[in-house]
Amino acid sequence: GRLGGRPAALSDEDLAHARALLADPEITVHQVAKRLGVAPSTLYRHLPGGRSQVSGDQ
């Protein structure tokens, strides 16, 4: 068989970078998404809790 599908928009390295950026309360999800060249919805898909998942607030 053949593997198919769309390539992942975020690598594990990009996701780690996004988590590090989101640990700073001054930076928004939209800013991180723009910096990584993806849509904010892509970040929310990979980080379902948004910023709270990163900071561990809840």
Protein backbone atom coordinates (compact mmCIF):
# COMPACT_ATOMS: atom_id res chain seq x y z
CA GLY A 1 0.00 0.00 0.00
CA ARG A 2 0.89 3.58 -0.30
CA LEU A 3 0.99 6.13 2.49
CA GLY A 4 -0.78 9.34 1.73
CA GLY A 5 -2.29 12.39 3.25
CA ARG A 6 -1.29 15.93 3.83
CA PRO A 7 2.10 16.58 5.44
CA ALA A 8 2.02 17.81 9.03
CA ALA A 9 1.95 21.61 9.33
CA LEU A 10 3.91 21.56 12.59
CA SER A 11 6.93 19.45 13.39
CA ASP A 12 7.66 18.33 16.95
CA GLU A 13 10.35 21.02 17.05
CA ASP A 14 7.85 23.71 15.96
CA LEU A 15 5.38 22.54 18.59
CA ALA A 16 8.04 22.71 21.31
CA HIS A 17 8.93 26.23 20.13
CA ALA A 18 5.25 27.22 20.24
CA ARG A 19 4.92 25.91 23.80
CA ALA A 20 7.98 27.90 24.85
CA LEU A 21 6.61 31.07 23.27
CA LEU A 22 3.17 30.59 24.83
CA ALA A 23 4.72 30.33 28.29
CA ASP A 24 5.19 34.12 27.99
CA PRO A 25 1.84 35.77 28.89
CA GLU A 26 2.69 38.75 26.65
CA ILE A 27 2.60 36.65 23.46
CA THR A 28 -0.76 35.65 21.97
CA VAL A 29 -1.66 32.45 20.15
CA HIS A 30 -2.20 34.53 16.99
CA GLN A 31 1.33 35.97 17.23
CA VAL A 32 2.86 32.52 17.69
CA ALA A 33 0.86 31.16 14.76
CA LYS A 34 1.99 34.01 12.53
CA ARG A 35 5.61 33.48 13.56
CA LEU A 36 5.38 29.76 12.70
CA GLY A 37 3.49 30.38 9.47
CA VAL A 38 0.35 28.47 10.44
CA ALA A 39 -3.23 29.40 11.29
CA PRO A 40 -4.19 29.88 14.94
CA SER A 41 -6.63 26.98 14.55
CA THR A 42 -3.66 24.71 13.79
CA LEU A 43 -2.08 25.61 17.13
CA TYR A 44 -5.35 25.07 18.98
CA ARG A 45 -5.67 21.66 17.28
CA HIS A 46 -2.24 20.64 18.60
CA LEU A 47 -2.73 22.35 21.98
CA PRO A 48 -6.40 21.69 22.80
CA GLY A 49 -6.22 23.55 26.12
CA GLY A 50 -4.59 26.56 24.51
CA ARG A 51 -2.37 28.61 26.81
CA SER A 52 -3.70 26.85 29.94
CA GLN A 53 -2.25 23.55 28.70
CA VAL A 54 1.16 25.18 28.37
CA SER A 55 1.19 27.11 31.62
CA GLY A 56 -0.54 24.42 33.64
CA ASP A 57 -2.95 26.93 35.20
CA GLN A 58 -5.94 24.59 35.03
